[in-house]
Amino acid sequence: ASGRTLRRDTIGWFRQAPGKERELVASIWYGGATFYAESEKGRFTI
């Protein structure tokens, strides 16, 4: 990112496959807490 410091922001990774809705894959927020879609736990790391 440019124009903003992300240090205290929540950041999400989304994905959208052809013919499917956009979905949240993983997120990380201030303090280090993370979220993962159940199907991606153990494979993806944010």
All heavy atoms as atom14 arrays in JSON, in Angstrom:
{
  "sequence": "ASGRTLRRDTIGWFRQAPGKERELVASIWYGGATFYAESEKGRFTI",
  "atom14_mask": [
    [1, 1, 1, 1, 1, 0, 0, 0, 0, 0, 0, 0, 0, 0],
    [1, 1, 1, 1, 1, 1, 0, 0, 0, 0, 0, 0, 0, 0],
    [1, 1, 1, 1, 0, 0, 0, 0, 0, 0, 0, 0, 0, 0],
    [1, 1, 1, 1, 1, 1, 1, 1, 1, 1, 1, 0, 0, 0],
    [1, 1, 1, 1, 1, 1, 1, 0, 0, 0, 0, 0, 0, 0],
    [1, 1, 1, 1, 1, 1, 1, 1, 0, 0, 0, 0, 0, 0],
    [1, 1, 1, 1, 1, 1, 1, 1, 1, 1, 1, 0, 0, 0],
    [1, 1, 1, 1, 1, 1, 1, 1, 1, 1, 1, 0, 0, 0],
    [1, 1, 1, 1, 1, 1, 1, 1, 0, 0, 0, 0, 0, 0],
    [1, 1, 1, 1, 1, 1, 1, 0, 0, 0, 0, 0, 0, 0],
    [1, 1, 1, 1, 1, 1, 1, 1, 0, 0, 0, 0, 0, 0],
    [1, 1, 1, 1, 0, 0, 0, 0, 0, 0, 0, 0, 0, 0],
    [1, 1, 1, 1, 1, 1, 1, 1, 1, 1, 1, 1, 1, 1],
    [1, 1, 1, 1, 1, 1, 1, 1, 1, 1, 1, 0, 0, 0],
    [1, 1, 1, 1, 1, 1, 1, 1, 1, 1, 1, 0, 0, 0],
    [1, 1, 1, 1, 1, 1, 1, 1, 1, 0, 0, 0, 0, 0],
    [1, 1, 1, 1, 1, 0, 0, 0, 0, 0, 0, 0, 0, 0],
    [1, 1, 1, 1, 1, 1, 1, 0, 0, 0, 0, 0, 0, 0],
    [1, 1, 1, 1, 0, 0, 0, 0, 0, 0, 0, 0, 0, 0],
    [1, 1, 1, 1, 1, 1, 1, 1, 1, 0, 0, 0, 0, 0],
    [1, 1, 1, 1, 1, 1, 1, 1, 1, 0, 0, 0, 0, 0],
    [1, 1, 1, 1, 1, 1, 1, 1, 1, 1, 1, 0, 0, 0],
    [1, 1, 1, 1, 1, 1, 1, 1, 1, 0, 0, 0, 0, 0],
    [1, 1, 1, 1, 1, 1, 1, 1, 0, 0, 0, 0, 0, 0],
    [1, 1, 1, 1, 1, 1, 1, 0, 0, 0, 0, 0, 0, 0],
    [1, 1, 1, 1, 1, 0, 0, 0, 0, 0, 0, 0, 0, 0],
    [1, 1, 1, 1, 1, 1, 0, 0, 0, 0, 0, 0, 0, 0],
    [1, 1, 1, 1, 1, 1, 1, 1, 0, 0, 0, 0, 0, 0],
    [1, 1, 1, 1, 1, 1, 1, 1, 1, 1, 1, 1, 1, 1],
    [1, 1, 1, 1, 1, 1, 1, 1, 1, 1, 1, 1, 0, 0],
    [1, 1, 1, 1, 0, 0, 0, 0, 0, 0, 0, 0, 0, 0],
    [1, 1, 1, 1, 0, 0, 0, 0, 0, 0, 0, 0, 0, 0],
    [1, 1, 1, 1, 1, 0, 0, 0, 0, 0, 0, 0, 0, 0],
    [1, 1, 1, 1, 1, 1, 1, 0, 0, 0, 0, 0, 0, 0],
    [1, 1, 1, 1, 1, 1, 1, 1, 1, 1, 1, 0, 0, 0],
    [1, 1, 1, 1, 1, 1, 1, 1, 1, 1, 1, 1, 0, 0],
    [1, 1, 1, 1, 1, 0, 0, 0, 0, 0, 0, 0, 0, 0],
    [1, 1, 1, 1, 1, 1, 1, 1, 1, 0, 0, 0, 0, 0],
    [1, 1, 1, 1, 1, 1, 0, 0, 0, 0, 0, 0, 0, 0],
    [1, 1, 1, 1, 1, 1, 1, 1, 1, 0, 0, 0, 0, 0],
    [1, 1, 1, 1, 1, 1, 1, 1, 1, 0, 0, 0, 0, 0],
    [1, 1, 1, 1, 0, 0, 0, 0, 0, 0, 0, 0, 0, 0],
    [1, 1, 1, 1, 1, 1, 1, 1, 1, 1, 1, 0, 0, 0],
    [1, 1, 1, 1, 1, 1, 1, 1, 1, 1, 1, 0, 0, 0],
    [1, 1, 1, 1, 1, 1, 1, 0, 0, 0, 0, 0, 0, 0],
    [1, 1, 1, 1, 1, 1, 1, 1, 0, 0, 0, 0, 0, 0]
  ],
  "atom14_positions": [
    [[0.83, -1.2, 0.0], [0.0, 0.0, 0.0], [0.86, 1.25, 0.0], [1.94, 1.27, 0.59], [-0.93, 0.02, 1.21], [0.0, 0.0, 0.0], [0.0, 0.0, 0.0], [0.0, 0.0, 0.0], [0.0, 0.0, 0.0], [0.0, 0.0, 0.0], [0.0, 0.0, 0.0], [0.0, 0.0, 0.0], [0.0, 0.0, 0.0], [0.0, 0.0, 0.0]],
    [[0.36, 2.27, -0.65], [0.96, 3.58, -0.6], [-0.11, 4.59, -0.2], [-1.29, 4.39, -0.47], [1.58, 3.96, -1.95], [0.59, 4.01, -2.96], [0.0, 0.0, 0.0], [0.0, 0.0, 0.0], [0.0, 0.0, 0.0], [0.0, 0.0, 0.0], [0.0, 0.0, 0.0], [0.0, 0.0, 0.0], [0.0, 0.0, 0.0], [0.0, 0.0, 0.0]],
    [[0.3, 5.66, 0.42], [-0.64, 6.67, 0.84], [-1.27, 6.43, 2.19], [-2.04, 7.27, 2.67], [0.0, 0.0, 0.0], [0.0, 0.0, 0.0], [0.0, 0.0, 0.0], [0.0, 0.0, 0.0], [0.0, 0.0, 0.0], [0.0, 0.0, 0.0], [0.0, 0.0, 0.0], [0.0, 0.0, 0.0], [0.0, 0.0, 0.0], [0.0, 0.0, 0.0]],
    [[-0.97, 5.28, 2.8], [-1.51, 4.96, 4.1], [-0.64, 3.92, 4.76], [-0.22, 2.96, 4.11], [-2.95, 4.46, 4.01], [-3.56, 4.14, 5.37], [-5.0, 3.68, 5.28], [-5.52, 3.38, 6.6], [-6.05, 4.27, 7.42], [-6.17, 5.54, 7.04], [-6.49, 3.9, 8.61], [0.0, 0.0, 0.0], [0.0, 0.0, 0.0], [0.0, 0.0, 0.0]],
    [[-0.41, 4.09, 6.04], [0.29, 3.09, 6.83], [-0.72, 2.05, 7.31], [-1.75, 2.4, 7.89], [0.99, 3.73, 8.03], [1.97, 4.67, 7.56], [1.69, 2.67, 8.88], [0.0, 0.0, 0.0], [0.0, 0.0, 0.0], [0.0, 0.0, 0.0], [0.0, 0.0, 0.0], [0.0, 0.0, 0.0], [0.0, 0.0, 0.0], [0.0, 0.0, 0.0]],
    [[-0.42, 0.79, 7.05], [-1.34, -0.29, 7.35], [-1.19, -0.87, 8.74], [-1.9, -1.8, 9.1], [-1.16, -1.42, 6.33], [-1.32, -1.04, 4.85], [-1.09, -2.25, 3.98], [-2.69, -0.44, 4.61], [0.0, 0.0, 0.0], [0.0, 0.0, 0.0], [0.0, 0.0, 0.0], [0.0, 0.0, 0.0], [0.0, 0.0, 0.0], [0.0, 0.0, 0.0]],
    [[-0.28, -0.34, 9.51], [0.08, -0.92, 10.8], [-1.12, -1.24, 11.68], [-1.17, -2.31, 12.3], [1.03, 0.02, 11.54], [1.54, -0.51, 12.87], [2.44, 0.51, 13.55], [3.55, 0.9, 12.71], [4.71, 0.26, 12.68], [4.92, -0.8, 13.45], [5.69, 0.68, 11.88], [0.0, 0.0, 0.0], [0.0, 0.0, 0.0], [0.0, 0.0, 0.0]],
    [[-2.09, -0.35, 11.73], [-3.22, -0.53, 12.63], [-4.51, -0.9, 11.89], [-5.58, -0.9, 12.5], [-3.45, 0.75, 13.44], [-2.25, 1.12, 14.32], [-2.52, 2.39, 15.11], [-3.55, 2.19, 16.12], [-3.31, 1.78, 17.36], [-2.08, 1.52, 17.75], [-4.32, 1.62, 18.2], [0.0, 0.0, 0.0], [0.0, 0.0, 0.0], [0.0, 0.0, 0.0]],
    [[-4.41, -1.22, 10.62], [-5.57, -1.57, 9.83], [-5.81, -3.07, 9.8], [-4.89, -3.86, 9.99], [-5.41, -1.08, 8.39], [-5.4, 0.43, 8.27], [-5.78, 1.12, 9.23], [-5.0, 0.93, 7.19], [0.0, 0.0, 0.0], [0.0, 0.0, 0.0], [0.0, 0.0, 0.0], [0.0, 0.0, 0.0], [0.0, 0.0, 0.0], [0.0, 0.0, 0.0]],
    [[-7.05, -3.44, 9.56], [-7.38, -4.82, 9.25], [-7.22, -5.03, 7.74], [-7.69, -4.22, 6.94], [-8.81, -5.15, 9.68], [-8.91, -5.04, 11.1], [-9.19, -6.56, 9.25], [0.0, 0.0, 0.0], [0.0, 0.0, 0.0], [0.0, 0.0, 0.0], [0.0, 0.0, 0.0], [0.0, 0.0, 0.0], [0.0, 0.0, 0.0], [0.0, 0.0, 0.0]],
    [[-6.54, -6.09, 7.37], [-6.29, -6.41, 5.97], [-6.93, -7.76, 5.65], [-6.76, -8.72, 6.41], [-4.79, -6.47, 5.65], [-4.06, -5.24, 6.21], [-4.57, -6.61, 4.15], [-4.52, -3.92, 5.63], [0.0, 0.0, 0.0], [0.0, 0.0, 0.0], [0.0, 0.0, 0.0], [0.0, 0.0, 0.0], [0.0, 0.0, 0.0], [0.0, 0.0, 0.0]],
    [[-7.62, -7.81, 4.55], [-8.24, -9.06, 4.12], [-7.77, -9.47, 2.74], [-7.51, -8.63, 1.88], [0.0, 0.0, 0.0], [0.0, 0.0, 0.0], [0.0, 0.0, 0.0], [0.0, 0.0, 0.0], [0.0, 0.0, 0.0], [0.0, 0.0, 0.0], [0.0, 0.0, 0.0], [0.0, 0.0, 0.0], [0.0, 0.0, 0.0], [0.0, 0.0, 0.0]],
    [[-7.65, -10.77, 2.56], [-7.43, -11.35, 1.24], [-8.73, -12.02, 0.8], [-9.28, -12.86, 1.53], [-6.3, -12.38, 1.25], [-4.93, -11.8, 1.18], [-4.05, -11.62, 2.2], [-4.27, -11.33, 0.0], [-2.88, -11.07, 1.74], [-2.99, -10.87, 0.39], [-4.63, -11.24, -1.35], [-2.07, -10.35, -0.52], [-3.72, -10.71, -2.25], [-2.46, -10.27, -1.83]],
    [[-9.21, -11.62, -0.34], [-10.41, -12.18, -0.93], [-10.05, -12.89, -2.22], [-9.01, -12.63, -2.82], [-11.44, -11.08, -1.23], [-11.98, -10.38, -0.02], [-11.26, -9.39, 0.62], [-13.23, -10.71, 0.48], [-11.76, -8.74, 1.73], [-13.76, -10.06, 1.59], [-13.02, -9.08, 2.21], [0.0, 0.0, 0.0], [0.0, 0.0, 0.0], [0.0, 0.0, 0.0]],
    [[-10.93, -13.75, -2.66], [-10.76, -14.36, -3.97], [-12.11, -14.53, -4.64], [-13.15, -14.66, -3.98], [-10.04, -15.7, -3.88], [-10.84, -16.83, -3.25], [-9.99, -18.08, -3.15], [-10.72, -19.19, -2.55], [-10.15, -20.34, -2.2], [-8.85, -20.53, -2.39], [-10.9, -21.29, -1.65], [0.0, 0.0, 0.0], [0.0, 0.0, 0.0], [0.0, 0.0, 0.0]],
    [[-12.07, -14.51, -5.95], [-13.27, -14.72, -6.74], [-12.93, -15.59, -7.93], [-12.12, -15.2, -8.78], [-13.89, -13.4, -7.19], [-15.23, -13.58, -7.89], [-15.99, -12.27, -8.03], [-15.4, -11.2, -8.11], [-17.31, -12.37, -8.06], [0.0, 0.0, 0.0], [0.0, 0.0, 0.0], [0.0, 0.0, 0.0], [0.0, 0.0, 0.0], [0.0, 0.0, 0.0]],
    [[-13.54, -16.75, -7.98], [-13.36, -17.67, -9.09], [-14.47, -17.43, -10.11], [-15.53, -16.92, -9.77], [-13.39, -19.1, -8.59], [0.0, 0.0, 0.0], [0.0, 0.0, 0.0], [0.0, 0.0, 0.0], [0.0, 0.0, 0.0], [0.0, 0.0, 0.0], [0.0, 0.0, 0.0], [0.0, 0.0, 0.0], [0.0, 0.0, 0.0], [0.0, 0.0, 0.0]],
    [[-14.24, -17.81, -11.35], [-15.27, -17.64, -12.37], [-16.58, -18.3, -11.97], [-16.6, -19.46, -11.56], [-14.66, -18.31, -13.6], [-13.18, -18.2, -13.39], [-12.99, -18.37, -11.92], [0.0, 0.0, 0.0], [0.0, 0.0, 0.0], [0.0, 0.0, 0.0], [0.0, 0.0, 0.0], [0.0, 0.0, 0.0], [0.0, 0.0, 0.0], [0.0, 0.0, 0.0]],
    [[-17.66, -17.55, -12.07], [-18.97, -18.08, -11.75], [-19.29, -18.18, -10.28], [-20.35, -18.7, -9.92], [0.0, 0.0, 0.0], [0.0, 0.0, 0.0], [0.0, 0.0, 0.0], [0.0, 0.0, 0.0], [0.0, 0.0, 0.0], [0.0, 0.0, 0.0], [0.0, 0.0, 0.0], [0.0, 0.0, 0.0], [0.0, 0.0, 0.0], [0.0, 0.0, 0.0]],
    [[-18.41, -17.71, -9.42], [-18.62, -17.79, -7.98], [-18.56, -16.41, -7.35], [-18.01, -15.48, -7.91], [-17.58, -18.71, -7.33], [-17.65, -20.15, -7.77], [-16.67, -21.01, -7.01], [-16.77, -22.47, -7.42], [-15.81, -23.32, -6.66], [0.0, 0.0, 0.0], [0.0, 0.0, 0.0], [0.0, 0.0, 0.0], [0.0, 0.0, 0.0], [0.0, 0.0, 0.0]],
    [[-19.14, -16.32, -6.15], [-19.1, -15.07, -5.41], [-17.73, -14.85, -4.81], [-16.98, -15.79, -4.54], [-20.16, -15.07, -4.3], [-21.59, -15.09, -4.78], [-22.57, -14.96, -3.64], [-22.26, -14.25, -2.66], [-23.65, -15.55, -3.72], [0.0, 0.0, 0.0], [0.0, 0.0, 0.0], [0.0, 0.0, 0.0], [0.0, 0.0, 0.0], [0.0, 0.0, 0.0]],
    [[-17.42, -13.59, -4.58], [-16.19, -13.25, -3.89], [-16.27, -13.74, -2.45], [-17.3, -13.61, -1.79], [-15.98, -11.74, -3.92], [-14.67, -11.27, -3.31], [-14.56, -9.77, -3.4], [-15.6, -9.12, -2.63], [-15.98, -7.85, -2.78], [-15.38, -7.11, -3.71], [-16.94, -7.35, -2.03], [0.0, 0.0, 0.0], [0.0, 0.0, 0.0], [0.0, 0.0, 0.0]],
    [[-15.19, -14.31, -1.96], [-15.17, -14.82, -0.6], [-13.91, -14.36, 0.13], [-12.85, -14.18, -0.47], [-15.24, -16.35, -0.6], [-14.06, -17.02, -1.29], [-14.12, -18.54, -1.22], [-14.83, -19.07, -0.36], [-13.45, -19.19, -2.05], [0.0, 0.0, 0.0], [0.0, 0.0, 0.0], [0.0, 0.0, 0.0], [0.0, 0.0, 0.0], [0.0, 0.0, 0.0]],
    [[-14.06, -14.19, 1.41], [-12.93, -13.84, 2.26], [-12.12, -15.09, 2.55], [-12.65, -16.08, 3.06], [-13.41, -13.21, 3.56], [-12.33, -12.83, 4.58], [-11.42, -11.74, 4.03], [-12.97, -12.39, 5.89], [0.0, 0.0, 0.0], [0.0, 0.0, 0.0], [0.0, 0.0, 0.0], [0.0, 0.0, 0.0], [0.0, 0.0, 0.0], [0.0, 0.0, 0.0]],
    [[-10.85, -15.05, 2.23], [-9.95, -16.18, 2.45], [-9.27, -16.08, 3.8], [-9.18, -17.07, 4.54], [-8.9, -16.27, 1.32], [-7.91, -17.4, 1.59], [-9.59, -16.47, -0.02], [0.0, 0.0, 0.0], [0.0, 0.0, 0.0], [0.0, 0.0, 0.0], [0.0, 0.0, 0.0], [0.0, 0.0, 0.0], [0.0, 0.0, 0.0], [0.0, 0.0, 0.0]],
    [[-8.75, -14.91, 4.12], [-8.02, -14.71, 5.36], [-7.98, -13.24, 5.68], [-8.06, -12.39, 4.79], [-6.59, -15.27, 5.27], [0.0, 0.0, 0.0], [0.0, 0.0, 0.0], [0.0, 0.0, 0.0], [0.0, 0.0, 0.0], [0.0, 0.0, 0.0], [0.0, 0.0, 0.0], [0.0, 0.0, 0.0], [0.0, 0.0, 0.0], [0.0, 0.0, 0.0]],
    [[-7.84, -12.92, 6.95], [-7.7, -11.53, 7.37], [-6.78, -11.45, 8.58], [-6.61, -12.43, 9.32], [-9.05, -10.89, 7.68], [-9.73, -11.57, 8.72], [0.0, 0.0, 0.0], [0.0, 0.0, 0.0], [0.0, 0.0, 0.0], [0.0, 0.0, 0.0], [0.0, 0.0, 0.0], [0.0, 0.0, 0.0], [0.0, 0.0, 0.0], [0.0, 0.0, 0.0]],
    [[-6.2, -10.29, 8.76], [-5.34, -10.04, 9.91], [-5.59, -8.61, 10.37], [-5.75, -7.71, 9.56], [-3.85, -10.27, 9.55], [-2.97, -10.13, 10.79], [-3.4, -9.35, 8.43], [-1.54, -10.65, 10.57], [0.0, 0.0, 0.0], [0.0, 0.0, 0.0], [0.0, 0.0, 0.0], [0.0, 0.0, 0.0], [0.0, 0.0, 0.0], [0.0, 0.0, 0.0]],
    [[-5.65, -8.42, 11.68], [-5.9, -7.09, 12.19], [-4.94, -6.71, 13.29], [-4.1, -7.51, 13.71], [-7.36, -6.9, 12.62], [-7.9, -7.84, 13.65], [-7.93, -7.67, 15.0], [-8.56, -9.1, 13.4], [-8.55, -8.72, 15.61], [-8.95, -9.61, 14.65], [-8.85, -9.82, 12.25], [-9.6, -10.84, 14.79], [-9.5, -11.05, 12.38], [-9.88, -11.53, 13.63]],
    [[-5.08, -5.45, 13.7], [-4.19, -4.9, 14.71], [-4.19, -5.8, 15.94], [-5.24, -6.18, 16.45], [-4.63, -3.49, 15.08], [-3.84, -2.87, 16.2], [-2.51, -2.49, 16.01], [-4.42, -2.63, 17.44], [-1.78, -1.92, 17.04], [-3.7, -2.06, 18.47], [-2.38, -1.7, 18.27], [-1.66, -1.12, 19.28], [0.0, 0.0, 0.0], [0.0, 0.0, 0.0]],
    [[-3.02, -6.12, 16.42], [-2.87, -7.03, 17.53], [-2.48, -8.42, 17.09], [-2.09, -9.24, 17.92], [0.0, 0.0, 0.0], [0.0, 0.0, 0.0], [0.0, 0.0, 0.0], [0.0, 0.0, 0.0], [0.0, 0.0, 0.0], [0.0, 0.0, 0.0], [0.0, 0.0, 0.0], [0.0, 0.0, 0.0], [0.0, 0.0, 0.0], [0.0, 0.0, 0.0]],
    [[-2.59, -8.69, 15.79], [-2.12, -9.95, 15.24], [-3.15, -11.04, 15.1], [-2.81, -12.12, 14.58], [0.0, 0.0, 0.0], [0.0, 0.0, 0.0], [0.0, 0.0, 0.0], [0.0, 0.0, 0.0], [0.0, 0.0, 0.0], [0.0, 0.0, 0.0], [0.0, 0.0, 0.0], [0.0, 0.0, 0.0], [0.0, 0.0, 0.0], [0.0, 0.0, 0.0]],
    [[-4.37, -10.81, 15.54], [-5.4, -11.84, 15.4], [-5.67, -12.1, 13.92], [-5.61, -11.18, 13.09], [-6.68, -11.42, 16.1], [0.0, 0.0, 0.0], [0.0, 0.0, 0.0], [0.0, 0.0, 0.0], [0.0, 0.0, 0.0], [0.0, 0.0, 0.0], [0.0, 0.0, 0.0], [0.0, 0.0, 0.0], [0.0, 0.0, 0.0], [0.0, 0.0, 0.0]],
    [[-5.97, -13.34, 13.6], [-6.18, -13.73, 12.21], [-7.47, -14.52, 12.07], [-7.98, -15.09, 13.03], [-5.02, -14.57, 11.67], [-4.86, -15.74, 12.49], [-3.73, -13.78, 11.68], [0.0, 0.0, 0.0], [0.0, 0.0, 0.0], [0.0, 0.0, 0.0], [0.0, 0.0, 0.0], [0.0, 0.0, 0.0], [0.0, 0.0, 0.0], [0.0, 0.0, 0.0]],
    [[-7.96, -14.54, 10.86], [-9.12, -15.33, 10.49], [-8.8, -16.08, 9.2], [-8.16, -15.52, 8.3], [-10.36, -14.45, 10.28], [-11.47, -15.14, 9.54], [-12.38, -15.92, 10.22], [-11.59, -15.02, 8.17], [-13.4, -16.58, 9.56], [-12.6, -15.68, 7.48], [-13.5, -16.46, 8.18], [0.0, 0.0, 0.0], [0.0, 0.0, 0.0], [0.0, 0.0, 0.0]],
    [[-9.26, -17.31, 9.12], [-9.13, -18.1, 7.91], [-10.45, -18.77, 7.59], [-11.16, -19.23, 8.49], [-8.06, -19.18, 8.05], [-6.67, -18.65, 8.29], [-6.16, -18.55, 9.58], [-5.88, -18.25, 7.23], [-4.89, -18.07, 9.8], [-4.61, -17.76, 7.45], [-4.11, -17.67, 8.73], [-2.84, -17.18, 8.95], [0.0, 0.0, 0.0], [0.0, 0.0, 0.0]],
    [[-10.75, -18.83, 6.32], [-11.85, -19.67, 5.9], [-11.55, -21.11, 6.29], [-10.4, -21.55, 6.2], [-12.07, -19.55, 4.4], [0.0, 0.0, 0.0], [0.0, 0.0, 0.0], [0.0, 0.0, 0.0], [0.0, 0.0, 0.0], [0.0, 0.0, 0.0], [0.0, 0.0, 0.0], [0.0, 0.0, 0.0], [0.0, 0.0, 0.0], [0.0, 0.0, 0.0]],
    [[-12.56, -21.84, 6.74], [-12.35, -23.19, 7.25], [-11.64, -24.07, 6.23], [-10.79, -24.87, 6.6], [-13.68, -23.81, 7.67], [-14.24, -23.26, 8.95], [-13.37, -23.56, 10.15], [-12.73, -24.63, 10.17], [-13.31, -22.72, 11.07], [0.0, 0.0, 0.0], [0.0, 0.0, 0.0], [0.0, 0.0, 0.0], [0.0, 0.0, 0.0], [0.0, 0.0, 0.0]],
    [[-11.98, -23.92, 4.98], [-11.39, -24.77, 3.96], [-9.92, -24.49, 3.73], [-9.22, -25.33, 3.14], [-12.16, -24.6, 2.64], [-12.08, -23.27, 2.16], [0.0, 0.0, 0.0], [0.0, 0.0, 0.0], [0.0, 0.0, 0.0], [0.0, 0.0, 0.0], [0.0, 0.0, 0.0], [0.0, 0.0, 0.0], [0.0, 0.0, 0.0], [0.0, 0.0, 0.0]],
    [[-9.43, -23.36, 4.19], [-8.04, -22.98, 3.95], [-7.15, -23.1, 5.18], [-5.93, -22.91, 5.07], [-7.96, -21.55, 3.42], [-8.97, -21.22, 2.34], [-9.02, -22.23, 1.21], [-7.99, -22.88, 0.94], [-10.09, -22.37, 0.61], [0.0, 0.0, 0.0], [0.0, 0.0, 0.0], [0.0, 0.0, 0.0], [0.0, 0.0, 0.0], [0.0, 0.0, 0.0]],
    [[-7.72, -23.38, 6.33], [-6.91, -23.52, 7.53], [-5.89, -24.64, 7.34], [-6.22, -25.72, 6.87], [-7.78, -23.82, 8.74], [-8.54, -22.63, 9.27], [-9.3, -22.97, 10.54], [-9.99, -21.75, 11.11], [-10.75, -22.09, 12.35], [0.0, 0.0, 0.0], [0.0, 0.0, 0.0], [0.0, 0.0, 0.0], [0.0, 0.0, 0.0], [0.0, 0.0, 0.0]],
    [[-4.66, -24.35, 7.71], [-3.59, -25.32, 7.57], [-2.85, -25.23, 6.26], [-1.76, -25.79, 6.14], [0.0, 0.0, 0.0], [0.0, 0.0, 0.0], [0.0, 0.0, 0.0], [0.0, 0.0, 0.0], [0.0, 0.0, 0.0], [0.0, 0.0, 0.0], [0.0, 0.0, 0.0], [0.0, 0.0, 0.0], [0.0, 0.0, 0.0], [0.0, 0.0, 0.0]],
    [[-3.41, -24.56, 5.27], [-2.75, -24.39, 3.98], [-2.32, -22.96, 3.73], [-1.28, -22.73, 3.12], [-3.66, -24.84, 2.83], [-4.01, -26.31, 2.84], [-4.6, -26.73, 1.5], [-5.8, -25.96, 1.15], [-5.94, -25.26, 0.04], [-4.96, -25.23, -0.87], [-7.06, -24.6, -0.2], [0.0, 0.0, 0.0], [0.0, 0.0, 0.0], [0.0, 0.0, 0.0]],
    [[-3.14, -22.0, 4.16], [-2.86, -20.59, 3.91], [-2.45, -19.91, 5.21], [-2.99, -20.21, 6.28], [-4.08, -19.88, 3.35], [-4.46, -20.27, 1.95], [-3.83, -21.32, 1.29], [-5.46, -19.58, 1.28], [-4.18, -21.68, 0.0], [-5.82, -19.93, -0.01], [-5.18, -20.98, -0.66], [0.0, 0.0, 0.0], [0.0, 0.0, 0.0], [0.0, 0.0, 0.0]],
    [[-1.53, -18.96, 5.11], [-1.09, -18.19, 6.26], [-1.01, -16.72, 5.87], [-0.36, -16.38, 4.88], [0.28, -18.66, 6.78], [0.22, -20.04, 7.12], [0.68, -17.85, 8.01], [0.0, 0.0, 0.0], [0.0, 0.0, 0.0], [0.0, 0.0, 0.0], [0.0, 0.0, 0.0], [0.0, 0.0, 0.0], [0.0, 0.0, 0.0], [0.0, 0.0, 0.0]],
    [[-1.66, -15.87, 6.64], [-1.58, -14.43, 6.41], [-0.63, -13.83, 7.44], [-0.6, -14.24, 8.6], [-2.98, -13.78, 6.5], [-2.92, -12.32, 6.05], [-3.58, -13.92, 7.89], [-4.3, -11.68, 5.87], [0.0, 0.0, 0.0], [0.0, 0.0, 0.0], [0.0, 0.0, 0.0], [0.0, 0.0, 0.0], [0.0, 0.0, 0.0], [0.0, 0.0, 0.0]]
  ]
}
